[in-house]
Amino acid sequence: MTMNGSGNGNRARWVPPALPGAGPDAALHAAWLGFVRFCQELRHGEIERLKIQDGLPVLAEVTKKKIKFGQ
């Protein structure tokens, strides 16, 4: 995993690894970027089932957040 940060107190940003066989200008498909953003916003939780069609995420059927009390 690669983390990019300027060292000036900004939160480091995760940078996905390059796809095998992809050139240096290859970018993630918008569907994958949307899924990664969703995961970042979720922060903690579970995705029980993820539907993928033609190599792209299509639908997260069940998503739960876990909330712990008193620990």
PDB file of N, CA and C in Angstrom:
ATOM      1  N   MET A   1       0.856  -1.173   0.000  1.00  0.00           N
ATOM      2  CA  MET A   1       0.000   0.000   0.000  1.00  0.00           C
ATOM      3  C   MET A   1       0.896   1.227   0.000  1.00  0.00           C
ATOM      4  N   THR A   2       0.549   2.190  -0.780  1.00  0.00           N
ATOM      5  CA  THR A   2       1.307   3.424  -0.873  1.00  0.00           C
ATOM      6  C   THR A   2       0.509   4.543  -0.245  1.00  0.00           C
ATOM      7  N   MET A   3       1.165   5.325   0.593  1.00  0.00           N
ATOM      8  CA  MET A   3       0.506   6.462   1.214  1.00  0.00           C
ATOM      9  C   MET A   3       1.185   7.729   0.707  1.00  0.00           C
ATOM     10  N   ASN A   4       0.382   8.669   0.266  1.00  0.00           N
ATOM     11  CA  ASN A   4       0.907   9.952  -0.155  1.00  0.00           C
ATOM     12  C   ASN A   4       0.537  10.990   0.888  1.00  0.00           C
ATOM     13  N   GLY A   5       1.502  11.722   1.351  1.00  0.00           N
ATOM     14  CA  GLY A   5       1.264  12.783   2.318  1.00  0.00           C
ATOM     15  C   GLY A   5       2.396  13.779   2.218  1.00  0.00           C
ATOM     16  N   SER A   6       2.102  15.014   2.484  1.00  0.00           N
ATOM     17  CA  SER A   6       3.127  16.036   2.335  1.00  0.00           C
ATOM     18  C   SER A   6       3.937  16.209   3.599  1.00  0.00           C
ATOM     19  N   GLY A   7       3.521  15.552   4.690  1.00  0.00           N
ATOM     20  CA  GLY A   7       4.267  15.672   5.925  1.00  0.00           C
ATOM     21  C   GLY A   7       3.963  16.948   6.692  1.00  0.00           C
ATOM     22  N   ASN A   8       3.005  17.741   6.244  1.00  0.00           N
ATOM     23  CA  ASN A   8       2.682  18.994   6.928  1.00  0.00           C
ATOM     24  C   ASN A   8       1.442  18.843   7.798  1.00  0.00           C
ATOM     25  N   GLY A   9       1.164  17.629   8.266  1.00  0.00           N
ATOM     26  CA  GLY A   9       0.021  17.409   9.117  1.00  0.00           C
ATOM     27  C   GLY A   9      -1.231  16.993   8.363  1.00  0.00           C
ATOM     28  N   ASN A  10      -1.188  17.007   7.043  1.00  0.00           N
ATOM     29  CA  ASN A  10      -2.346  16.556   6.267  1.00  0.00           C
ATOM     30  C   ASN A  10      -2.467  15.051   6.395  1.00  0.00           C
ATOM     31  N   ARG A  11      -3.699  14.582   6.395  1.00  0.00           N
ATOM     32  CA  ARG A  11      -3.938  13.146   6.470  1.00  0.00           C
ATOM     33  C   ARG A  11      -3.425  12.473   5.206  1.00  0.00           C
ATOM     34  N   ALA A  12      -2.713  11.363   5.384  1.00  0.00           N
ATOM     35  CA  ALA A  12      -2.178  10.632   4.232  1.00  0.00           C
ATOM     36  C   ALA A  12      -3.330  10.078   3.405  1.00  0.00           C
ATOM     37  N   ARG A  13      -3.134  10.006   2.113  1.00  0.00           N
ATOM     38  CA  ARG A  13      -4.159   9.516   1.196  1.00  0.00           C
ATOM     39  C   ARG A  13      -3.677   8.214   0.590  1.00  0.00           C
ATOM     40  N   TRP A  14      -4.548   7.203   0.602  1.00  0.00           N
ATOM     41  CA  TRP A  14      -4.208   5.908   0.043  1.00  0.00           C
ATOM     42  C   TRP A  14      -4.205   5.992  -1.466  1.00  0.00           C
ATOM     43  N   VAL A  15      -3.178   5.415  -2.075  1.00  0.00           N
ATOM     44  CA  VAL A  15      -3.072   5.367  -3.529  1.00  0.00           C
ATOM     45  C   VAL A  15      -3.089   3.899  -3.931  1.00  0.00           C
ATOM     46  N   PRO A  16      -4.056   3.482  -4.759  1.00  0.00           N
ATOM     47  CA  PRO A  16      -4.142   2.068  -5.122  1.00  0.00           C
ATOM     48  C   PRO A  16      -2.933   1.635  -5.933  1.00  0.00           C
ATOM     49  N   PRO A  17      -2.552   0.356  -5.805  1.00  0.00           N
ATOM     50  CA  PRO A  17      -1.431  -0.140  -6.595  1.00  0.00           C
ATOM     51  C   PRO A  17      -1.789  -0.184  -8.076  1.00  0.00           C
ATOM     52  N   ALA A  18      -0.767  -0.168  -8.903  1.00  0.00           N
ATOM     53  CA  ALA A  18      -0.983  -0.226 -10.355  1.00  0.00           C
ATOM     54  C   ALA A  18      -1.577  -1.579 -10.738  1.00  0.00           C
ATOM     55  N   LEU A  19      -2.415  -1.584 -11.738  1.00  0.00           N
ATOM     56  CA  LEU A  19      -2.991  -2.825 -12.233  1.00  0.00           C
ATOM     57  C   LEU A  19      -1.935  -3.604 -13.002  1.00  0.00           C
ATOM     58  N   PRO A  20      -1.908  -4.940 -12.861  1.00  0.00           N
ATOM     59  CA  PRO A  20      -0.931  -5.738 -13.594  1.00  0.00           C
ATOM     60  C   PRO A  20      -1.078  -5.517 -15.101  1.00  0.00           C
ATOM     61  N   GLY A  21       0.015  -5.258 -15.756  1.00  0.00           N
ATOM     62  CA  GLY A  21       0.013  -5.079 -17.201  1.00  0.00           C
ATOM     63  C   GLY A  21      -0.472  -3.712 -17.651  1.00  0.00           C
ATOM     64  N   ALA A  22      -0.838  -2.860 -16.706  1.00  0.00           N
ATOM     65  CA  ALA A  22      -1.331  -1.528 -17.073  1.00  0.00           C
ATOM     66  C   ALA A  22      -0.151  -0.564 -17.167  1.00  0.00           C
ATOM     67  N   GLY A  23      -0.248   0.342 -18.092  1.00  0.00           N
ATOM     68  CA  GLY A  23       0.797   1.345 -18.254  1.00  0.00           C
ATOM     69  C   GLY A  23       0.744   2.378 -17.144  1.00  0.00           C
ATOM     70  N   PRO A  24       1.717   3.258 -17.094  1.00  0.00           N
ATOM     71  CA  PRO A  24       1.788   4.250 -16.020  1.00  0.00           C
ATOM     72  C   PRO A  24       0.629   5.246 -16.041  1.00  0.00           C
ATOM     73  N   ASP A  25      -0.047   5.391 -17.184  1.00  0.00           N
ATOM     74  CA  ASP A  25      -1.154   6.338 -17.268  1.00  0.00           C
ATOM     75  C   ASP A  25      -2.507   5.679 -17.013  1.00  0.00           C
ATOM     76  N   ALA A  26      -2.504   4.393 -16.666  1.00  0.00           N
ATOM     77  CA  ALA A  26      -3.763   3.683 -16.434  1.00  0.00           C
ATOM     78  C   ALA A  26      -4.451   4.244 -15.196  1.00  0.00           C
ATOM     79  N   ALA A  27      -5.757   4.368 -15.273  1.00  0.00           N
ATOM     80  CA  ALA A  27      -6.534   4.878 -14.150  1.00  0.00           C
ATOM     81  C   ALA A  27      -7.621   3.869 -13.800  1.00  0.00           C
ATOM     82  N   LEU A  28      -8.081   3.931 -12.565  1.00  0.00           N
ATOM     83  CA  LEU A  28      -9.175   3.056 -12.158  1.00  0.00           C
ATOM     84  C   LEU A  28     -10.464   3.523 -12.808  1.00  0.00           C
ATOM     85  N   HIS A  29     -11.307   2.571 -13.152  1.00  0.00           N
ATOM     86  CA  HIS A  29     -12.620   2.871 -13.717  1.00  0.00           C
ATOM     87  C   HIS A  29     -13.440   3.649 -12.678  1.00  0.00           C
ATOM     88  N   ALA A  30     -14.339   4.482 -13.139  1.00  0.00           N
ATOM     89  CA  ALA A  30     -15.164   5.313 -12.259  1.00  0.00           C
ATOM     90  C   ALA A  30     -15.947   4.467 -11.250  1.00  0.00           C
ATOM     91  N   ALA A  31     -16.362   3.259 -11.648  1.00  0.00           N
ATOM     92  CA  ALA A  31     -17.094   2.386 -10.724  1.00  0.00           C
ATOM     93  C   ALA A  31     -16.210   1.980  -9.548  1.00  0.00           C
ATOM     94  N   TRP A  32     -14.935   1.668  -9.816  1.00  0.00           N
ATOM     95  CA  TRP A  32     -14.015   1.311  -8.737  1.00  0.00           C
ATOM     96  C   TRP A  32     -13.717   2.514  -7.864  1.00  0.00           C
ATOM     97  N   LEU A  33     -13.560   3.673  -8.475  1.00  0.00           N
ATOM     98  CA  LEU A  33     -13.314   4.878  -7.685  1.00  0.00           C
ATOM     99  C   LEU A  33     -14.501   5.160  -6.767  1.00  0.00           C
ATOM    100  N   GLY A  34     -15.711   4.976  -7.283  1.00  0.00           N
ATOM    101  CA  GLY A  34     -16.894   5.166  -6.454  1.00  0.00           C
ATOM    102  C   GLY A  34     -16.937   4.185  -5.296  1.00  0.00           C
ATOM    103  N   PHE A  35     -16.554   2.936  -5.547  1.00  0.00           N
ATOM    104  CA  PHE A  35     -16.535   1.928  -4.486  1.00  0.00           C
ATOM    105  C   PHE A  35     -15.485   2.270  -3.427  1.00  0.00           C
ATOM    106  N   VAL A  36     -14.310   2.700  -3.853  1.00  0.00           N
ATOM    107  CA  VAL A  36     -13.250   3.076  -2.910  1.00  0.00           C
ATOM    108  C   VAL A  36     -13.697   4.277  -2.070  1.00  0.00           C
ATOM    109  N   ARG A  37     -14.332   5.255  -2.709  1.00  0.00           N
ATOM    110  CA  ARG A  37     -14.831   6.411  -1.952  1.00  0.00           C
ATOM    111  C   ARG A  37     -15.887   5.975  -0.934  1.00  0.00           C
ATOM    112  N   PHE A  38     -16.762   5.063  -1.337  1.00  0.00           N
ATOM    113  CA  PHE A  38     -17.774   4.542  -0.426  1.00  0.00           C
ATOM    114  C   PHE A  38     -17.105   3.898   0.795  1.00  0.00           C
ATOM    115  N   CYS A  39     -16.081   3.102   0.560  1.00  0.00           N
ATOM    116  CA  CYS A  39     -15.370   2.442   1.655  1.00  0.00           C
ATOM    117  C   CYS A  39     -14.693   3.460   2.575  1.00  0.00           C
ATOM    118  N   GLN A  40     -14.135   4.515   1.992  1.00  0.00           N
ATOM    119  CA  GLN A  40     -13.509   5.557   2.805  1.00  0.00           C
ATOM    120  C   GLN A  40     -14.544   6.242   3.696  1.00  0.00           C
ATOM    121  N   GLU A  41     -15.716   6.506   3.157  1.00  0.00           N
ATOM    122  CA  GLU A  41     -16.758   7.173   3.926  1.00  0.00           C
ATOM    123  C   GLU A  41     -17.355   6.245   4.984  1.00  0.00           C
ATOM    124  N   LEU A  42     -17.423   4.955   4.696  1.00  0.00           N
ATOM    125  CA  LEU A  42     -17.946   3.978   5.645  1.00  0.00           C
ATOM    126  C   LEU A  42     -17.051   3.902   6.871  1.00  0.00           C
ATOM    127  N   ARG A  43     -15.760   3.951   6.684  1.00  0.00           N
ATOM    128  CA  ARG A  43     -14.726   3.913   7.714  1.00  0.00           C
ATOM    129  C   ARG A  43     -14.707   2.600   8.491  1.00  0.00           C
ATOM    130  N   HIS A  44     -15.799   2.193   9.108  1.00  0.00           N
ATOM    131  CA  HIS A  44     -15.887   0.923   9.831  1.00  0.00           C
ATOM    132  C   HIS A  44     -17.206   0.282   9.445  1.00  0.00           C
ATOM    133  N   GLY A  45     -17.185  -0.996   9.182  1.00  0.00           N
ATOM    134  CA  GLY A  45     -18.410  -1.696   8.846  1.00  0.00           C
ATOM    135  C   GLY A  45     -18.123  -2.939   8.042  1.00  0.00           C
ATOM    136  N   GLU A  46     -19.167  -3.479   7.465  1.00  0.00           N
ATOM    137  CA  GLU A  46     -19.038  -4.706   6.681  1.00  0.00           C
ATOM    138  C   GLU A  46     -19.848  -4.587   5.406  1.00  0.00           C
ATOM    139  N   ILE A  47     -19.324  -5.143   4.370  1.00  0.00           N
ATOM    140  CA  ILE A  47     -20.076  -5.311   3.133  1.00  0.00           C
ATOM    141  C   ILE A  47     -20.226  -6.811   2.968  1.00  0.00           C
ATOM    142  N   GLU A  48     -21.442  -7.292   3.141  1.00  0.00           N
ATOM    143  CA  GLU A  48     -21.672  -8.733   3.097  1.00  0.00           C
ATOM    144  C   GLU A  48     -21.544  -9.284   1.699  1.00  0.00           C
ATOM    145  N   ARG A  49     -22.089  -8.580   0.720  1.00  0.00           N
ATOM    146  CA  ARG A  49     -22.098  -9.097  -0.641  1.00  0.00           C
ATOM    147  C   ARG A  49     -21.838  -7.959  -1.614  1.00  0.00           C
ATOM    148  N   LEU A  50     -20.878  -8.169  -2.473  1.00  0.00           N
ATOM    149  CA  LEU A  50     -20.552  -7.184  -3.499  1.00  0.00           C
ATOM    150  C   LEU A  50     -20.754  -7.848  -4.851  1.00  0.00           C
ATOM    151  N   LYS A  51     -21.594  -7.266  -5.677  1.00  0.00           N
ATOM    152  CA  LYS A  51     -21.821  -7.817  -7.017  1.00  0.00           C
ATOM    153  C   LYS A  51     -20.860  -7.139  -7.990  1.00  0.00           C
ATOM    154  N   ILE A  52     -20.188  -7.964  -8.769  1.00  0.00           N
ATOM    155  CA  ILE A  52     -19.248  -7.485  -9.771  1.00  0.00           C
ATOM    156  C   ILE A  52     -19.655  -8.060 -11.113  1.00  0.00           C
ATOM    157  N   GLN A  53     -19.748  -7.203 -12.114  1.00  0.00           N
ATOM    158  CA  GLN A  53     -20.065  -7.645 -13.468  1.00  0.00           C
ATOM    159  C   GLN A  53     -19.024  -7.059 -14.414  1.00  0.00           C
ATOM    160  N   ASP A  54     -18.523  -7.889 -15.295  1.00  0.00           N
ATOM    161  CA  ASP A  54     -17.494  -7.480 -16.256  1.00  0.00           C
ATOM    162  C   ASP A  54     -16.304  -6.816 -15.571  1.00  0.00           C
ATOM    163  N   GLY A  55     -15.963  -7.312 -14.380  1.00  0.00           N
ATOM    164  CA  GLY A  55     -14.798  -6.807 -13.666  1.00  0.00           C
ATOM    165  C   GLY A  55     -15.013  -5.486 -12.950  1.00  0.00           C
ATOM    166  N   LEU A  56     -16.276  -5.034 -12.850  1.00  0.00           N
ATOM    167  CA  LEU A  56     -16.560  -3.755 -12.202  1.00  0.00           C
ATOM    168  C   LEU A  56     -17.571  -3.944 -11.082  1.00  0.00           C
ATOM    169  N   PRO A  57     -17.395  -3.222  -9.961  1.00  0.00           N
ATOM    170  CA  PRO A  57     -18.382  -3.314  -8.890  1.00  0.00           C
ATOM    171  C   PRO A  57     -19.696  -2.698  -9.352  1.00  0.00           C
ATOM    172  N   VAL A  58     -20.792  -3.392  -9.071  1.00  0.00           N
ATOM    173  CA  VAL A  58     -22.101  -2.941  -9.526  1.00  0.00           C
ATOM    174  C   VAL A  58     -22.994  -2.586  -8.337  1.00  0.00           C
ATOM    175  N   LEU A  59     -22.950  -3.413  -7.279  1.00  0.00           N
ATOM    176  CA  LEU A  59     -23.902  -3.224  -6.198  1.00  0.00           C
ATOM    177  C   LEU A  59     -23.372  -3.826  -4.905  1.00  0.00           C
ATOM    178  N   ALA A  60     -23.460  -3.075  -3.819  1.00  0.00           N
ATOM    179  CA  ALA A  60     -23.221  -3.616  -2.483  1.00  0.00           C
ATOM    180  C   ALA A  60     -24.596  -3.891  -1.905  1.00  0.00           C
ATOM    181  N   GLU A  61     -24.967  -5.182  -1.786  1.00  0.00           N
ATOM    182  CA  GLU A  61     -26.331  -5.528  -1.403  1.00  0.00           C
ATOM    183  C   GLU A  61     -26.644  -5.238   0.054  1.00  0.00           C
ATOM    184  N   VAL A  62     -25.756  -5.619   0.956  1.00  0.00           N
ATOM    185  CA  VAL A  62     -26.024  -5.421   2.380  1.00  0.00           C
ATOM    186  C   VAL A  62     -24.801  -4.775   3.009  1.00  0.00           C
ATOM    187  N   THR A  63     -25.019  -3.652   3.618  1.00  0.00           N
ATOM    188  CA  THR A  63     -23.947  -2.950   4.302  1.00  0.00           C
ATOM    189  C   THR A  63     -24.391  -2.688   5.727  1.00  0.00           C
ATOM    190  N   LYS A  64     -23.535  -3.021   6.690  1.00  0.00           N
ATOM    191  CA  LYS A  64     -23.851  -2.808   8.098  1.00  0.00           C
ATOM    192  C   LYS A  64     -22.743  -1.988   8.734  1.00  0.00           C
ATOM    193  N   LYS A  65     -23.129  -1.173   9.680  1.00  0.00           N
ATOM    194  CA  LYS A  65     -22.145  -0.487  10.518  1.00  0.00           C
ATOM    195  C   LYS A  65     -22.157  -1.148  11.882  1.00  0.00           C
ATOM    196  N   LYS A  66     -20.980  -1.308  12.456  1.00  0.00           N
ATOM    197  CA  LYS A  66     -20.887  -1.852  13.795  1.00  0.00           C
ATOM    198  C   LYS A  66     -20.692  -0.689  14.756  1.00  0.00           C
ATOM    199  N   ILE A  67     -21.438  -0.716  15.830  1.00  0.00           N
ATOM    200  CA  ILE A  67     -21.309   0.311  16.862  1.00  0.00           C
ATOM    201  C   ILE A  67     -21.051  -0.407  18.177  1.00  0.00           C
ATOM    202  N   LYS A  68     -19.910  -0.110  18.798  1.00  0.00           N
ATOM    203  CA  LYS A  68     -19.570  -0.717  20.088  1.00  0.00           C
ATOM    204  C   LYS A  68     -19.866   0.311  21.179  1.00  0.00           C
ATOM    205  N   PHE A  69     -20.486  -0.151  22.250  1.00  0.00           N
ATOM    206  CA  PHE A  69     -20.824   0.724  23.355  1.00  0.00           C
ATOM    207  C   PHE A  69     -19.993   0.362  24.568  1.00  0.00           C
ATOM    208  N   GLY A  70     -19.433   1.352  25.240  1.00  0.00           N
ATOM    209  CA  GLY A  70     -18.759   1.159  26.509  1.00  0.00           C
ATOM    210  C   GLY A  70     -17.411   0.477  26.447  1.00  0.00           C
ATOM    211  N   GLN A  71     -16.739   0.526  25.323  1.00  0.00           N
ATOM    212  CA  GLN A  71     -15.407  -0.096  25.277  1.00  0.00           C
ATOM    213  C   GLN A  71     -14.397   0.860  24.765  1.00  0.00           C
TER     214      GLN A  71
END
